[in-house]
Protein backbone atom coordinates (compact mmCIF):
# COMPACT_ATOMS: atom_id res chain seq x y z
CA MET A 1 24.60 -74.42 42.44
CA ASP A 2 27.11 -77.27 42.11
CA LYS A 3 29.20 -75.71 39.35
CA ILE A 4 31.99 -73.34 40.30
CA LEU A 5 33.61 -70.93 37.86
CA ASP A 6 37.40 -70.86 38.26
CA THR A 7 37.91 -67.78 36.07
CA TYR A 8 36.78 -64.15 36.29
CA LEU A 9 37.84 -63.86 39.90
CA SER A 10 38.24 -60.60 41.84
CA LEU A 11 41.38 -59.13 40.21
CA CYS A 12 40.32 -60.26 36.73
CA THR A 13 36.99 -58.50 37.26
CA GLU A 14 38.76 -55.32 38.34
CA VAL A 15 41.01 -55.37 35.26
CA TYR A 16 37.95 -56.06 33.11
CA ASP A 17 36.35 -52.84 34.28
CA LEU A 18 39.58 -50.84 34.29
CA SER A 19 40.40 -51.86 30.71
CA LYS A 20 36.82 -51.75 29.41
CA PRO A 21 34.89 -49.18 31.46
CA ASN A 22 32.43 -48.60 28.60
CA PRO A 23 31.28 -50.66 25.65
CA PRO A 24 33.03 -49.88 22.34
CA GLU A 25 30.91 -47.31 20.52
CA ASP A 26 30.62 -49.32 17.30
CA ALA A 27 29.65 -52.52 19.15
CA TYR A 28 27.12 -50.73 21.35
CA THR A 29 25.51 -49.02 18.36
CA PHE A 30 25.33 -52.36 16.52
CA TYR A 31 23.64 -54.30 19.35
CA ARG A 32 21.45 -51.34 20.32
CA ASP A 33 19.98 -51.31 16.82
CA TYR A 34 18.80 -54.91 17.31
CA VAL A 35 17.53 -54.03 20.79
CA MET A 36 15.45 -51.19 19.39
CA LYS A 37 13.88 -53.49 16.81
CA ALA A 38 13.12 -56.26 19.31
CA HIS A 39 9.94 -54.60 20.70
CA GLY A 40 9.87 -56.86 23.73
CA PRO A 41 11.98 -58.45 26.47
CA ILE A 42 15.67 -59.00 25.76
CA LEU A 43 18.25 -61.27 27.38
CA GLU A 44 22.03 -60.92 27.64
CA PRO A 45 23.61 -64.18 28.87
CA MET A 46 27.21 -63.88 30.15
CA CYS A 47 26.60 -60.19 30.84
CA GLY A 48 29.70 -59.75 33.01
CA THR A 49 29.79 -56.49 34.97
CA GLY A 50 27.01 -54.98 32.85
CA ARG A 51 29.11 -53.16 30.26
CA PHE A 52 26.29 -53.46 27.69
CA LEU A 53 23.42 -54.34 30.03
CA LEU A 54 23.45 -51.27 32.28
CA PRO A 55 23.61 -48.58 29.54
CA LEU A 56 20.72 -50.30 27.74
CA ILE A 57 18.68 -50.37 30.95
CA GLU A 58 19.54 -46.70 31.52
CA GLU A 59 18.03 -45.97 28.12
CA GLY A 60 14.82 -47.65 29.21
CA PHE A 61 15.10 -50.99 27.39
CA ASN A 62 13.74 -54.13 29.06
CA VAL A 63 16.95 -56.19 29.20
CA HIS A 64 17.64 -59.06 31.60
CA GLY A 65 21.06 -60.60 32.17
CA PHE A 66 22.95 -63.32 33.97
CA ASP A 67 26.53 -64.44 34.53
CA ALA A 68 28.30 -67.37 36.20
CA SER A 69 30.89 -65.21 38.02
CA ASP A 70 30.07 -64.03 41.54
CA HIS A 71 32.73 -61.34 41.23
CA MET A 72 31.34 -60.02 37.93
CA LEU A 73 27.82 -59.91 39.35
CA LYS A 74 29.00 -58.14 42.51
CA ALA A 75 30.57 -55.44 40.33
CA LEU A 76 27.41 -55.24 38.22
CA TYR A 77 25.19 -54.74 41.28
CA ALA A 78 27.54 -52.07 42.67
CA LYS A 79 27.52 -50.12 39.43
CA ALA A 80 23.75 -50.48 39.15
CA GLU A 81 23.28 -49.16 42.68
CA ALA A 82 25.50 -46.17 41.92
CA LYS A 83 23.26 -45.40 38.94
CA ASN A 84 20.08 -46.06 40.94
CA LEU A 85 19.19 -48.95 38.63
CA LYS A 86 17.54 -52.21 39.63
CA PRO A 87 18.44 -54.71 36.90
CA THR A 88 16.91 -58.14 36.54
CA ALA A 89 20.23 -60.02 36.74
CA TRP A 90 21.07 -63.37 38.28
CA LYS A 91 23.78 -65.99 38.61
CA GLY A 92 23.73 -68.88 36.17
CA PHE A 93 25.39 -70.85 33.40
CA VAL A 94 23.96 -70.66 29.88
CA GLU A 95 23.36 -74.41 29.59
CA ASP A 96 21.24 -74.32 32.76
CA LEU A 97 18.96 -71.51 31.60
CA LYS A 98 15.37 -72.20 32.66
CA ARG A 99 13.15 -69.16 32.83
CA PRO A 100 9.40 -68.68 32.41
CA GLU A 101 10.04 -65.75 30.05
CA LYS A 102 10.47 -65.94 26.30
CA TYR A 103 12.62 -63.24 24.73
CA ASN A 104 12.42 -61.26 21.49
CA LEU A 105 16.22 -60.99 21.32
CA ILE A 106 19.07 -62.86 23.00
CA PHE A 107 22.55 -61.46 22.43
CA ILE A 108 26.07 -62.31 23.62
CA PRO A 109 28.68 -59.67 22.68
CA SER A 110 32.49 -59.62 22.92
CA GLY A 111 33.06 -63.27 21.97
CA SER A 112 31.93 -64.50 25.38
CA PHE A 113 30.02 -67.41 23.83
CA CYS A 114 33.39 -68.94 22.86
CA LEU A 115 34.25 -69.32 26.56
CA ILE A 116 31.93 -72.34 26.58
CA ILE A 117 34.39 -75.06 25.63
CA ASP A 118 32.85 -78.44 26.38
CA PRO A 119 30.89 -79.68 23.30
CA VAL A 120 28.05 -81.05 25.42
CA GLN A 121 27.71 -77.73 27.26
CA VAL A 122 27.80 -75.85 23.95
CA GLU A 123 25.00 -78.03 22.59
CA LYS A 124 22.92 -77.58 25.75
CA SER A 125 23.57 -73.82 25.73
CA LEU A 126 22.40 -73.39 22.15
CA LYS A 127 19.28 -75.46 22.83
CA ALA A 128 18.52 -73.43 25.98
CA ILE A 129 18.87 -70.19 24.04
CA TYR A 130 16.66 -71.53 21.23
CA ASP A 131 13.98 -72.60 23.70
CA HIS A 132 13.90 -69.14 25.33
CA LEU A 133 13.37 -67.25 22.08
CA ASN A 134 9.98 -66.35 20.69
CA ASP A 135 9.25 -67.76 17.24
CA GLY A 136 10.80 -65.66 14.49
CA ASP A 137 13.13 -63.80 16.85
CA ILE A 138 16.91 -63.54 16.94
CA PHE A 139 19.93 -64.93 18.75
CA LEU A 140 22.91 -62.67 18.05
CA PHE A 141 26.47 -63.44 19.12
CA GLU A 142 30.09 -62.80 18.32
CA ALA A 143 32.69 -65.52 17.68
CA LYS A 144 36.44 -65.00 17.54
CA THR A 145 38.55 -66.07 14.55
CA MET A 146 42.17 -67.16 14.26
CA GLN A 147 43.06 -63.51 13.60
CA ALA A 148 42.21 -62.75 17.23
CA VAL A 149 44.63 -65.32 18.68
CA PRO A 150 47.67 -63.59 20.24
CA GLN A 151 51.18 -64.68 19.33
CA ALA A 152 51.91 -67.90 21.16
CA ASP A 153 54.54 -68.51 23.84
CA ILE A 154 55.30 -64.85 24.50
CA TRP A 155 54.60 -63.22 27.86
CA ARG A 156 52.61 -60.00 27.63
CA ASP A 157 52.36 -57.61 30.57
CA SER A 158 50.07 -54.71 31.37
CA LEU A 159 49.70 -52.39 34.37
CA TRP A 160 46.36 -51.07 35.65
CA PRO A 161 46.39 -48.26 38.26
CA LYS A 162 43.45 -48.10 40.69
CA THR A 163 41.94 -44.95 42.15
CA ASN A 164 43.09 -45.92 45.68
CA GLY A 165 46.76 -45.93 44.65
CA GLN A 166 47.06 -49.69 44.27
CA LYS A 167 48.05 -51.24 40.95
CA ILE A 168 47.30 -54.53 39.22
CA ILE A 169 49.91 -56.20 37.02
CA LEU A 170 48.55 -58.66 34.47
CA SER A 171 50.96 -61.15 32.88
CA GLN A 172 49.60 -63.38 30.09
CA LEU A 173 50.97 -66.30 28.09
CA ALA A 174 48.88 -67.70 25.21
CA THR A 175 49.05 -71.12 23.55
CA LEU A 176 46.92 -72.66 20.80
CA GLN A 177 46.03 -76.35 20.55
CA ASP A 178 43.12 -78.07 18.79
CA ASP A 179 41.31 -74.78 18.13
CA ILE A 180 41.47 -73.86 21.83
CA CYS A 181 43.37 -70.70 22.73
CA THR A 182 44.52 -70.97 26.33
CA SER A 183 45.79 -67.89 28.14
CA LEU A 184 47.61 -68.33 31.43
CA CYS A 185 46.84 -65.12 33.32
CA LYS A 186 48.65 -63.99 36.48
CA TYR A 187 47.12 -61.03 38.32
CA GLU A 188 49.24 -59.33 41.02
CA LEU A 189 47.88 -56.62 43.30
CA LEU A 190 50.55 -54.08 44.30
CA GLU A 191 50.43 -51.70 47.24
CA ALA A 192 53.36 -49.45 48.13
CA GLY A 193 55.64 -51.52 45.92
CA ASN A 194 54.67 -54.86 47.50
CA ILE A 195 52.61 -57.68 46.01
CA ILE A 196 49.79 -58.24 48.50
CA HIS A 197 47.58 -60.63 46.51
CA THR A 198 47.99 -62.92 43.50
CA GLU A 199 45.41 -64.75 41.39
CA ILE A 200 46.19 -67.16 38.55
CA GLU A 201 43.59 -68.08 35.96
CA GLU A 202 43.60 -70.28 32.87
CA LEU A 203 41.26 -68.71 30.34
CA ARG A 204 40.23 -70.89 27.38
CA VAL A 205 38.53 -69.67 24.21
CA LYS A 206 37.20 -71.88 21.42
CA ILE A 207 38.09 -70.78 17.89
CA TYR A 208 35.35 -72.03 15.55
CA ARG A 209 35.31 -72.62 11.82
CA GLN A 210 32.29 -71.02 10.17
CA ASP A 211 30.96 -74.35 8.86
CA GLN A 212 31.38 -75.92 12.30
CA LEU A 213 29.29 -73.25 14.01
CA MET A 214 26.70 -73.32 11.24
CA GLU A 215 26.12 -77.04 11.74
CA MET A 216 25.82 -76.64 15.52
CA LEU A 217 23.33 -73.79 15.16
CA LYS A 218 21.24 -75.78 12.67
CA SER A 219 21.29 -78.78 15.01
CA ALA A 220 19.93 -76.54 17.79
CA GLY A 221 16.97 -75.67 15.54
CA PHE A 222 17.93 -72.34 13.98
CA LYS A 223 16.82 -72.24 10.35
CA HIS A 224 17.91 -68.80 9.16
CA ILE A 225 21.56 -68.02 9.95
CA ARG A 226 23.48 -65.03 8.59
CA ILE A 227 27.11 -64.11 9.16
CA ILE A 228 27.91 -60.42 9.47
CA LYS A 229 31.08 -58.36 9.56
CA ALA A 230 31.66 -57.19 13.12
CA PHE A 231 29.48 -54.23 13.72
CA ASP A 232 28.43 -53.62 10.12
CA GLN A 233 25.06 -55.16 9.24
CA SER A 234 25.49 -54.38 5.55
CA SER A 235 28.80 -56.25 5.05
CA ALA A 236 30.08 -59.81 5.07
CA PRO A 237 33.19 -60.73 7.09
CA THR A 238 36.62 -61.06 5.53
CA GLU A 239 39.52 -63.38 6.31
CA GLN A 240 41.26 -60.54 8.15
CA ASP A 241 38.47 -60.00 10.68
CA GLU A 242 39.14 -60.92 14.32
CA SER A 243 35.49 -61.68 14.99
CA ILE A 244 32.31 -62.61 13.15
CA ILE A 245 28.72 -61.90 14.14
CA TYR A 246 26.15 -64.69 13.79
CA GLU A 247 22.52 -63.66 13.40
CA CYS A 248 20.33 -66.70 14.05
CA ARG A 249 16.58 -66.55 13.67
CA LYS A 250 14.25 -69.09 15.29
């Protein structure tokens, strides 16, 4: 694979699992409801370390997943082995998706879809997802709103203790320009009071307008698109919501 992901490296992956060891209950219940109704194979692109994927597989659902981060996948495989699970999970970018399977549901939780920034890659990703859905079935994903953007130009720090006594310090600085929220993230691994490893990442998230995403989804071929309040199928989103769910039927 020629493409190399320069985010979600080793320390970021560790913090990801330390800060989010389990899926949020409301989000898991929401996506699980769609999984139950799918009655067939399901795909989770950008599955990370398996926060949603592995519990669904544990419950017996036929869910496949993939991610572009070697470090995320390594953590996924380790957790799967500890649970005696053998997931169908592979390395890949969404825009390059080419599988023989067609899926009854494709879902991307946690706003991960918005990590695809380049417009050409976004277009290719949506088309790839559309092509891998069975007719009449659903693509479900979460997009962040301006309410989710952290206050700009202020350093935020957090400390994450590890079970082996080491600690990871995460320092973040966010900026917003042209609907792209960029977070400069510095991860420092501490052992016995000394920094023994540092990783710096620049994480970029696209903040979409609803009409903008609607047009892109229609261009990809989706004909029935519904916006939903985050993790409440019966409600519409409000201006105060930090994320919006898009339900797109092929």
